[in-house]
Amino acid sequence: MAIAILLIGLLFFIAHGFTLIFDRISVPDVLLLTLVGVAVGPVLHLIRPEDFGDLGRVMATVALVVILFEGGMALKLTSLRRAFSRVAPVFIGTFAGTILFVTLLGLFVLGLPLLSAVAFGAILGSITPIVVLPLARSLKLADSVQSALIIESSLTDVFSIIMVFELTQAATGGAVDVGHLIGKLLSALLFAAVIGFVGSILWLKVLQFVRRIPNSIILSIAFLFVVYGVAEFLGYSGAIAALAFGLGIANRPFGFLGRLGLHFHENLASLTETEKGFFSEIVFILKTFFFLYLGISIRFADLNLLGIAAGITVGIHLVRLAACRLLGDRSMARRDASIVASLAPKGLASAAMAGLPLATGMVGGHRIQELTFLVVFLSIALSALLVFLLERGGLHRGYHAIFRRFGTEKAAEGEQLTEHP
């Protein structure tokens, strides 16, 4: 126990050191944290995933919820409209292209039946906000670009989760109903957003009273978990509810209620800088835990599977690059466009869904699970490596050529373009 406590203390000092490394040489701290997890887990066998029990999976979900909450707080309503116009084509192209690529690979390389192959593609269709959001913030991308990444990564998680659940249910004797699937997707997004916004109004209404309670800053996070739990309990997306809760807390976009004759949104409290700083510390702690836990959970037992996972990872990133090149916003600054095209990491949603095909008896479920865990790690590593090379100039000329006709020579109005030699 003493060694475990000592390691925990040292790891947080190391995590802060990695943040400084990122600022100096642009090596993403999320990659370094994952590599530390790999070192203390599958390499040195100092810590095993079983040591955490169910707490590991719970804390990973908590990390996702809090990071989405902070991402929602970072969204600015003035940039949302531009973000939506940017995100839709790239989101559809990346999501659909990834599912198609992985499905074809599952059919013709892995020998999976069609339903299993499509489920595998849906599992890997998401782009995880738990990696994208910290990277986008650290890289100081334009506000509208950060907003687009927040929206895209949140939507892909929701779409992936619902598709995988529908496909696994079909494997147990049902059928895939396209109309039901579309309706479920829309309702999961719409009603989850409503739950998040209503929760933000209620919390801002009582926040002044709550502040009279000693040590009450943590209660905002506790109420966030309540909002997430309510949305999930009702069958909607807790992730979108957390995002909408953060957006409502920070922006307070409730003027439309007055036009409807409702006035309970008046005299609402605002978050203080102390509270925002506290939330950032919580995000840092949870982010550190998640990536360490991810590294500890990786297994490298089968080199053949590792090679296949590497091929899938490269293919997914090429799909992402093609979607950004063909469908992306032509007014985006070239540096921002290059970084956005490099970000296709998989994360918590993919890892959590990896076991569903096996649990429901789908053919190839065990192989799908093993490959998914490897792709999650490799996709994070490749995204981080591409960002590092872009920031250090190693890929700058190549991406310059790819995006030359993309219309990104200059920064969009109101955005600053940072060029690297």
Protein backbone atom coordinates (compact mmCIF):
# COMPACT_ATOMS: atom_id res chain seq x y z
CA MET A 1 0.00 0.00 0.00
CA ALA A 2 2.83 2.40 0.83
CA ILE A 3 4.39 1.86 -2.62
CA ALA A 4 1.03 2.49 -4.32
CA ILE A 5 0.49 5.76 -2.43
CA LEU A 6 4.07 6.83 -3.20
CA LEU A 7 3.53 6.10 -6.92
CA ILE A 8 0.28 8.11 -6.96
CA GLY A 9 2.04 11.14 -5.47
CA LEU A 10 4.95 10.90 -7.89
CA LEU A 11 2.67 10.43 -10.89
CA PHE A 12 0.89 13.72 -10.27
CA PHE A 13 4.22 15.54 -10.06
CA ILE A 14 5.18 13.81 -13.32
CA ALA A 15 1.87 14.88 -14.89
CA HIS A 16 2.56 18.53 -14.08
CA GLY A 17 6.03 18.12 -15.54
CA PHE A 18 4.51 16.73 -18.74
CA THR A 19 2.37 19.88 -19.04
CA LEU A 20 5.55 21.98 -19.02
CA ILE A 21 7.11 19.65 -21.61
CA PHE A 22 4.11 20.16 -23.88
CA ASP A 23 4.45 23.95 -23.61
CA ARG A 24 8.15 23.76 -24.53
CA ILE A 25 8.44 21.06 -27.20
CA SER A 26 4.82 20.30 -28.14
CA VAL A 27 4.84 16.64 -27.04
CA PRO A 28 1.21 16.15 -25.88
CA ASP A 29 1.00 15.27 -22.19
CA VAL A 30 -1.82 12.79 -22.89
CA LEU A 31 0.60 10.61 -24.85
CA LEU A 32 3.28 10.80 -22.17
CA LEU A 33 0.77 9.91 -19.44
CA THR A 34 -0.42 6.90 -21.46
CA LEU A 35 3.17 5.75 -21.96
CA VAL A 36 3.79 6.00 -18.20
CA GLY A 37 0.70 3.83 -17.71
CA VAL A 38 2.08 1.31 -20.19
CA ALA A 39 5.42 1.32 -18.33
CA VAL A 40 3.99 0.72 -14.85
CA GLY A 41 1.34 -1.68 -16.15
CA PRO A 42 2.01 -4.18 -18.96
CA VAL A 43 5.81 -3.58 -19.00
CA LEU A 44 6.87 -3.53 -15.32
CA HIS A 45 3.68 -5.10 -13.89
CA LEU A 46 3.68 -2.73 -10.91
CA ILE A 47 -0.05 -2.00 -11.28
CA ARG A 48 -2.82 -4.05 -12.92
CA PRO A 49 -6.26 -2.89 -14.08
CA GLU A 50 -7.75 -5.40 -11.62
CA ASP A 51 -6.20 -3.40 -8.75
CA PHE A 52 -8.74 -0.66 -9.43
CA GLY A 53 -11.75 -2.99 -9.70
CA ASP A 54 -14.91 -1.24 -10.88
CA LEU A 55 -13.48 2.08 -9.62
CA GLY A 56 -11.30 2.34 -12.72
CA ARG A 57 -14.23 2.27 -15.14
CA VAL A 58 -16.28 4.60 -12.94
CA MET A 59 -13.46 7.15 -12.71
CA ALA A 60 -12.95 6.98 -16.48
CA THR A 61 -16.63 7.87 -17.00
CA VAL A 62 -16.37 10.66 -14.41
CA ALA A 63 -13.37 12.05 -16.29
CA LEU A 64 -15.33 12.13 -19.55
CA VAL A 65 -18.31 13.89 -17.91
CA VAL A 66 -16.22 16.59 -16.24
CA ILE A 67 -14.11 17.25 -19.35
CA LEU A 68 -17.27 17.65 -21.44
CA PHE A 69 -18.66 20.00 -18.79
CA GLU A 70 -15.55 22.17 -18.99
CA GLY A 71 -15.71 21.94 -22.78
CA GLY A 72 -19.27 23.27 -22.68
CA MET A 73 -18.13 26.13 -20.45
CA ALA A 74 -15.46 26.98 -23.04
CA LEU A 75 -18.02 27.23 -25.85
CA LYS A 76 -18.96 30.75 -26.87
CA LEU A 77 -22.40 31.35 -28.33
CA THR A 78 -20.92 33.78 -30.86
CA SER A 79 -18.80 30.97 -32.33
CA LEU A 80 -21.41 28.21 -32.19
CA ARG A 81 -23.10 29.08 -35.47
CA ARG A 82 -19.78 29.08 -37.31
CA ALA A 83 -18.81 25.88 -35.51
CA PHE A 84 -21.96 24.08 -36.67
CA SER A 85 -21.33 25.05 -40.29
CA ARG A 86 -17.78 23.72 -40.00
CA VAL A 87 -18.51 20.53 -38.14
CA ALA A 88 -21.39 18.99 -40.10
CA PRO A 89 -19.63 17.95 -43.36
CA VAL A 90 -16.41 16.83 -41.68
CA PHE A 91 -18.33 14.99 -38.95
CA ILE A 92 -20.45 13.08 -41.47
CA GLY A 93 -17.50 12.35 -43.74
CA THR A 94 -15.22 11.15 -40.93
CA PHE A 95 -17.88 9.12 -39.12
CA ALA A 96 -19.34 7.44 -42.20
CA GLY A 97 -15.93 6.94 -43.83
CA THR A 98 -14.48 5.34 -40.70
CA ILE A 99 -17.40 2.93 -40.36
CA LEU A 100 -17.16 1.98 -44.05
CA PHE A 101 -13.38 1.45 -43.90
CA VAL A 102 -13.45 -0.64 -40.71
CA THR A 103 -16.47 -2.64 -41.94
CA LEU A 104 -14.71 -3.56 -45.18
CA LEU A 105 -11.55 -4.50 -43.28
CA GLY A 106 -13.61 -6.61 -40.88
CA LEU A 107 -15.29 -8.43 -43.77
CA PHE A 108 -12.31 -9.10 -46.01
CA VAL A 109 -9.33 -9.18 -43.61
CA LEU A 110 -10.76 -10.43 -40.32
CA GLY A 111 -13.46 -12.61 -41.88
CA LEU A 112 -16.24 -11.19 -39.69
CA PRO A 113 -19.90 -11.50 -40.64
CA LEU A 114 -21.57 -8.30 -41.82
CA LEU A 115 -23.30 -7.42 -38.52
CA SER A 116 -20.13 -7.90 -36.49
CA ALA A 117 -18.08 -5.89 -39.00
CA VAL A 118 -20.51 -2.95 -38.95
CA ALA A 119 -20.57 -3.04 -35.13
CA PHE A 120 -16.75 -2.95 -35.13
CA GLY A 121 -16.87 0.09 -37.44
CA ALA A 122 -19.42 1.85 -35.20
CA ILE A 123 -17.26 1.20 -32.12
CA LEU A 124 -14.32 2.95 -33.80
CA GLY A 125 -16.43 5.71 -35.39
CA SER A 126 -16.16 8.15 -32.52
CA ILE A 127 -13.49 10.77 -31.86
CA THR A 128 -13.00 11.06 -28.13
CA PRO A 129 -13.42 14.47 -26.47
CA ILE A 130 -11.26 13.33 -23.57
CA VAL A 131 -8.21 13.65 -25.87
CA VAL A 132 -9.35 16.28 -28.36
CA LEU A 133 -10.48 18.93 -25.87
CA PRO A 134 -7.27 19.16 -23.80
CA LEU A 135 -5.16 19.16 -26.99
CA ALA A 136 -7.26 21.85 -28.69
CA ARG A 137 -7.03 24.07 -25.63
CA SER A 138 -3.28 23.55 -25.19
CA LEU A 139 -2.62 24.22 -28.89
CA LYS A 140 -4.53 27.53 -28.69
CA LEU A 141 -6.67 26.87 -31.74
CA ALA A 142 -9.17 29.54 -32.82
CA ASP A 143 -12.30 29.67 -30.67
CA SER A 144 -14.59 28.58 -33.50
CA VAL A 145 -12.28 25.64 -34.29
CA GLN A 146 -12.25 24.54 -30.65
CA SER A 147 -16.05 24.79 -30.61
CA ALA A 148 -16.27 22.67 -33.76
CA LEU A 149 -14.05 19.99 -32.22
CA ILE A 150 -16.08 19.97 -29.00
CA ILE A 151 -19.33 19.53 -30.91
CA GLU A 152 -17.94 16.92 -33.31
CA SER A 153 -16.33 14.75 -30.65
CA SER A 154 -19.47 14.86 -28.50
CA LEU A 155 -21.75 13.94 -31.41
CA THR A 156 -19.59 11.06 -32.61
CA ASP A 157 -19.63 9.51 -29.14
CA VAL A 158 -23.43 9.64 -29.01
CA PHE A 159 -23.86 8.28 -32.54
CA SER A 160 -21.39 5.44 -31.93
CA ILE A 161 -22.96 4.36 -28.65
CA ILE A 162 -26.51 4.26 -30.02
CA MET A 163 -25.49 2.47 -33.22
CA VAL A 164 -23.54 -0.20 -31.35
CA PHE A 165 -26.43 -0.83 -28.96
CA GLU A 166 -28.86 -1.19 -31.86
CA LEU A 167 -26.55 -3.57 -33.72
CA THR A 168 -25.86 -5.75 -30.70
CA GLN A 169 -29.59 -5.97 -29.99
CA ALA A 170 -30.11 -7.07 -33.59
CA ALA A 171 -27.53 -9.80 -33.03
CA THR A 172 -29.64 -11.25 -30.19
CA GLY A 173 -32.59 -11.88 -32.50
CA GLY A 174 -33.99 -8.47 -33.36
CA ALA A 175 -33.61 -6.39 -36.50
CA VAL A 176 -32.05 -3.03 -37.27
CA ASP A 177 -34.87 -0.50 -37.74
CA VAL A 178 -33.41 2.54 -39.53
CA GLY A 179 -36.34 4.81 -38.65
CA HIS A 180 -36.15 3.81 -34.99
CA LEU A 181 -32.40 4.37 -35.03
CA ILE A 182 -32.71 7.90 -36.46
CA GLY A 183 -35.47 8.76 -34.00
CA LYS A 184 -33.42 7.47 -31.11
CA LEU A 185 -30.41 9.53 -32.19
CA LEU A 186 -32.44 12.73 -32.48
CA SER A 187 -34.25 12.23 -29.20
CA ALA A 188 -31.02 11.37 -27.39
CA LEU A 189 -29.49 14.66 -28.55
CA LEU A 190 -32.51 16.95 -28.18
CA PHE A 191 -33.83 15.81 -24.82
CA ALA A 192 -30.33 15.48 -23.36
CA ALA A 193 -29.64 19.11 -24.32
CA VAL A 194 -32.92 20.20 -22.71
CA ILE A 195 -32.03 18.34 -19.50
CA GLY A 196 -28.62 20.02 -19.45
CA PHE A 197 -30.02 23.51 -20.01
CA VAL A 198 -32.79 23.08 -17.43
CA GLY A 199 -30.21 21.78 -14.97
CA SER A 200 -28.01 24.84 -15.53
CA ILE A 201 -30.93 27.20 -14.84
CA LEU A 202 -31.84 25.36 -11.64
CA TRP A 203 -28.25 25.31 -10.42
CA LEU A 204 -27.60 29.01 -11.12
CA LYS A 205 -30.88 29.79 -9.36
CA VAL A 206 -29.78 28.13 -6.11
CA LEU A 207 -26.04 28.78 -6.36
CA GLN A 208 -26.07 31.92 -4.21
CA PHE A 209 -27.70 29.95 -1.40
CA VAL A 210 -25.38 26.98 -1.87
CA ARG A 211 -22.34 29.23 -1.47
CA ARG A 212 -23.35 29.85 2.15
CA ILE A 213 -22.53 26.21 2.86
CA PRO A 214 -18.88 25.63 3.86
CA ASN A 215 -16.68 23.88 1.27
CA SER A 216 -19.46 23.95 -1.32
CA ILE A 217 -17.51 24.45 -4.57
CA ILE A 218 -17.51 20.70 -5.16
CA LEU A 219 -21.32 20.71 -5.15
CA SER A 220 -21.35 22.13 -8.70
CA ILE A 221 -19.55 18.99 -9.85
CA ALA A 222 -21.95 16.88 -7.77
CA PHE A 223 -24.94 18.51 -9.49
CA LEU A 224 -23.27 17.87 -12.84
CA PHE A 225 -23.26 14.15 -11.99
CA VAL A 226 -26.95 14.41 -11.09
CA VAL A 227 -27.70 15.94 -14.51
CA TYR A 228 -25.66 13.25 -16.26
CA GLY A 229 -27.33 10.49 -14.25
CA VAL A 230 -30.85 11.77 -14.91
CA ALA A 231 -30.21 11.94 -18.66
CA GLU A 232 -28.75 8.42 -18.76
CA PHE A 233 -31.55 7.04 -16.55
CA LEU A 234 -34.15 8.42 -18.97
CA GLY A 235 -32.34 6.82 -21.91
CA TYR A 236 -30.75 9.97 -23.35
CA SER A 237 -27.12 11.03 -23.78
CA GLY A 238 -25.52 11.97 -20.48
CA ALA A 239 -22.50 13.30 -22.38
CA ILE A 240 -24.61 15.83 -24.33
CA ALA A 241 -26.44 16.79 -21.12
CA ALA A 242 -23.08 17.49 -19.43
CA LEU A 243 -21.98 19.58 -22.41
CA ALA A 244 -25.25 21.57 -22.42
CA PHE A 245 -25.02 22.04 -18.65
CA GLY A 246 -21.57 23.60 -19.02
CA LEU A 247 -22.74 25.77 -21.91
CA GLY A 248 -25.71 27.03 -19.90
CA ILE A 249 -23.67 27.68 -16.77
CA ALA A 250 -21.07 29.78 -18.62
CA ASN A 251 -23.21 31.58 -21.24
CA ARG A 252 -26.65 31.77 -19.60
CA PRO A 253 -28.50 31.81 -22.96
CA PHE A 254 -31.94 31.97 -21.36
CA GLY A 255 -33.35 35.22 -22.79
CA PHE A 256 -35.83 33.28 -24.92
CA LEU A 257 -37.67 32.27 -21.74
CA GLY A 258 -38.68 35.89 -21.15
CA ARG A 259 -40.19 36.06 -24.62
CA LEU A 260 -42.25 33.00 -23.67
CA GLY A 261 -43.56 34.79 -20.60
CA LEU A 262 -41.38 32.79 -18.20
CA HIS A 263 -39.21 34.73 -15.75
CA PHE A 264 -37.69 32.16 -13.40
CA HIS A 265 -34.36 32.59 -15.23
CA GLU A 266 -33.92 36.10 -13.85
CA ASN A 267 -31.45 37.00 -11.07
CA LEU A 268 -29.22 34.03 -11.73
CA ALA A 269 -25.78 33.70 -10.17
CA SER A 270 -22.53 33.56 -12.17
CA LEU A 271 -19.48 31.41 -11.66
CA THR A 272 -16.51 33.04 -9.96
CA GLU A 273 -12.90 32.78 -11.16
CA THR A 274 -12.14 30.68 -8.08
CA GLU A 275 -14.81 28.15 -9.07
CA LYS A 276 -13.55 28.02 -12.67
CA GLY A 277 -9.99 27.46 -11.42
CA PHE A 278 -11.21 24.66 -9.16
CA PHE A 279 -12.99 22.97 -12.07
CA SER A 280 -9.77 23.14 -14.12
CA GLU A 281 -7.88 21.40 -11.30
CA ILE A 282 -10.51 18.66 -11.14
CA VAL A 283 -10.22 18.18 -14.93
CA PHE A 284 -6.43 17.91 -14.64
CA ILE A 285 -6.65 15.26 -11.91
CA LEU A 286 -9.24 13.18 -13.77
CA LYS A 287 -7.42 13.51 -17.09
CA THR A 288 -4.22 12.29 -15.44
CA PHE A 289 -6.02 9.28 -13.96
CA PHE A 290 -7.77 8.36 -17.22
CA PHE A 291 -4.67 8.23 -19.40
CA LEU A 292 -2.65 6.38 -16.78
CA TYR A 293 -5.49 3.86 -16.44
CA LEU A 294 -5.68 3.54 -20.23
CA GLY A 295 -1.96 2.75 -20.45
CA ILE A 296 -2.21 0.23 -17.62
CA SER A 297 -5.11 -1.52 -19.40
CA ILE A 298 -3.28 -2.05 -22.72
CA ARG A 299 -2.25 -5.60 -23.63
CA PHE A 300 0.38 -6.51 -26.27
CA ALA A 301 0.05 -10.29 -26.23
CA ASP A 302 -0.51 -10.90 -29.97
CA LEU A 303 1.87 -9.24 -32.45
CA ASN A 304 -0.41 -10.11 -35.38
CA LEU A 305 -3.28 -8.25 -33.77
CA LEU A 306 -0.94 -5.35 -33.03
CA GLY A 307 -0.06 -5.14 -36.74
CA ILE A 308 -3.73 -5.21 -37.76
CA ALA A 309 -4.54 -2.53 -35.17
CA ALA A 310 -1.72 -0.36 -36.53
CA GLY A 311 -3.14 -0.71 -40.05
CA ILE A 312 -6.64 0.21 -38.83
CA THR A 313 -5.26 3.24 -37.00
CA VAL A 314 -3.41 4.54 -40.06
CA GLY A 315 -6.46 3.93 -42.26
CA ILE A 316 -8.74 5.84 -39.85
CA HIS A 317 -6.37 8.81 -39.88
CA LEU A 318 -6.27 8.78 -43.69
CA VAL A 319 -10.08 8.82 -43.74
CA ARG A 320 -9.99 11.79 -41.38
CA LEU A 321 -7.46 13.60 -43.56
CA ALA A 322 -9.54 13.02 -46.70
CA ALA A 323 -12.74 14.24 -45.00
CA CYS A 324 -11.06 17.43 -43.81
CA ARG A 325 -9.40 18.00 -47.19
CA LEU A 326 -12.60 17.52 -49.21
CA LEU A 327 -15.34 18.72 -46.85
CA GLY A 328 -13.71 21.13 -44.40
CA ASP A 329 -14.31 24.86 -44.06
CA ARG A 330 -12.20 26.68 -46.67
CA SER A 331 -11.79 29.77 -44.49
CA MET A 332 -10.03 27.91 -41.66
CA ALA A 333 -6.43 28.88 -40.95
CA ARG A 334 -4.02 26.36 -42.46
CA ARG A 335 -2.39 25.50 -39.12
CA ASP A 336 -5.79 24.89 -37.53
CA ALA A 337 -6.97 22.83 -40.52
CA SER A 338 -3.81 20.71 -40.38
CA ILE A 339 -4.22 20.00 -36.66
CA VAL A 340 -7.93 19.21 -37.01
CA ALA A 341 -7.11 16.74 -39.80
CA SER A 342 -4.58 15.04 -37.50
CA LEU A 343 -7.01 14.39 -34.65
CA ALA A 344 -8.76 11.02 -34.86
CA PRO A 345 -8.13 9.51 -31.40
CA LYS A 346 -10.43 6.87 -29.94
CA GLY A 347 -11.12 6.79 -26.22
CA LEU A 348 -13.55 6.00 -23.47
CA ALA A 349 -16.65 5.35 -25.59
CA SER A 350 -14.80 2.92 -27.87
CA ALA A 351 -13.16 1.14 -24.93
CA ALA A 352 -16.48 0.86 -23.06
CA MET A 353 -18.34 -0.51 -26.09
CA ALA A 354 -15.58 -2.95 -27.07
CA GLY A 355 -17.00 -5.70 -24.88
CA LEU A 356 -20.61 -5.48 -26.11
CA PRO A 357 -20.22 -7.71 -29.21
CA LEU A 358 -18.58 -10.39 -27.02
CA ALA A 359 -21.22 -10.05 -24.29
CA THR A 360 -24.07 -10.48 -26.79
CA GLY A 361 -22.47 -13.46 -28.51
CA MET A 362 -21.59 -11.80 -31.81
CA VAL A 363 -19.14 -13.76 -33.97
CA GLY A 364 -15.62 -12.38 -33.55
CA GLY A 365 -16.50 -10.49 -30.37
CA HIS A 366 -13.27 -11.39 -28.58
CA ARG A 367 -11.10 -10.23 -31.49
CA ILE A 368 -13.11 -7.00 -31.80
CA GLN A 369 -12.50 -6.25 -28.12
CA GLU A 370 -8.75 -6.88 -28.30
CA LEU A 371 -8.33 -4.84 -31.47
CA THR A 372 -10.37 -1.95 -30.09
CA PHE A 373 -8.15 -1.59 -27.01
CA LEU A 374 -5.07 -1.55 -29.22
CA VAL A 375 -6.57 0.96 -31.67
CA VAL A 376 -7.53 3.27 -28.79
CA PHE A 377 -3.91 3.39 -27.64
CA LEU A 378 -2.37 3.59 -31.12
CA SER A 379 -4.81 6.26 -32.35
CA ILE A 380 -4.00 8.47 -29.35
CA ALA A 381 -0.28 7.92 -29.96
CA LEU A 382 -0.55 8.67 -33.70
CA SER A 383 -2.67 11.79 -33.17
CA ALA A 384 -0.20 13.05 -30.60
CA LEU A 385 2.76 12.27 -32.88
CA LEU A 386 1.18 14.09 -35.84
CA VAL A 387 0.45 17.15 -33.68
CA PHE A 388 4.03 17.13 -32.42
CA LEU A 389 5.46 16.93 -35.94
CA LEU A 390 3.16 19.69 -37.16
CA GLU A 391 4.08 22.00 -34.32
CA ARG A 392 7.78 21.30 -34.74
CA GLY A 393 7.62 21.74 -38.51
CA GLY A 394 8.23 18.11 -39.44
CA LEU A 395 4.99 17.75 -41.40
CA HIS A 396 4.39 21.37 -42.21
CA ARG A 397 5.39 21.19 -45.88
CA GLY A 398 3.41 18.02 -46.49
CA TYR A 399 0.24 19.41 -44.98
CA HIS A 400 0.87 22.73 -46.75
CA ALA A 401 0.74 20.85 -50.06
CA ILE A 402 -2.38 18.90 -49.08
CA PHE A 403 -4.27 22.03 -48.01
CA ARG A 404 -2.91 24.38 -50.69
CA ARG A 405 -6.19 24.29 -52.62
CA PHE A 406 -8.21 24.19 -49.43
CA GLY A 407 -8.42 28.00 -49.22
CA THR A 408 -6.55 28.22 -45.89
CA GLU A 409 -3.66 30.48 -46.84
CA LYS A 410 -4.99 33.19 -44.54
CA ALA A 411 -6.72 33.07 -41.19
CA ALA A 412 -10.44 33.54 -41.10
CA GLU A 413 -11.73 36.89 -39.94
CA GLY A 414 -11.15 37.37 -36.24
CA GLU A 415 -8.76 34.40 -35.99
CA GLN A 416 -5.01 34.47 -35.63
CA LEU A 417 -2.88 32.19 -37.77
CA THR A 418 0.32 30.92 -36.21
CA GLU A 419 2.80 29.77 -38.82
CA HIS A 420 5.78 27.64 -37.95
CA PRO A 421 9.00 27.72 -39.94
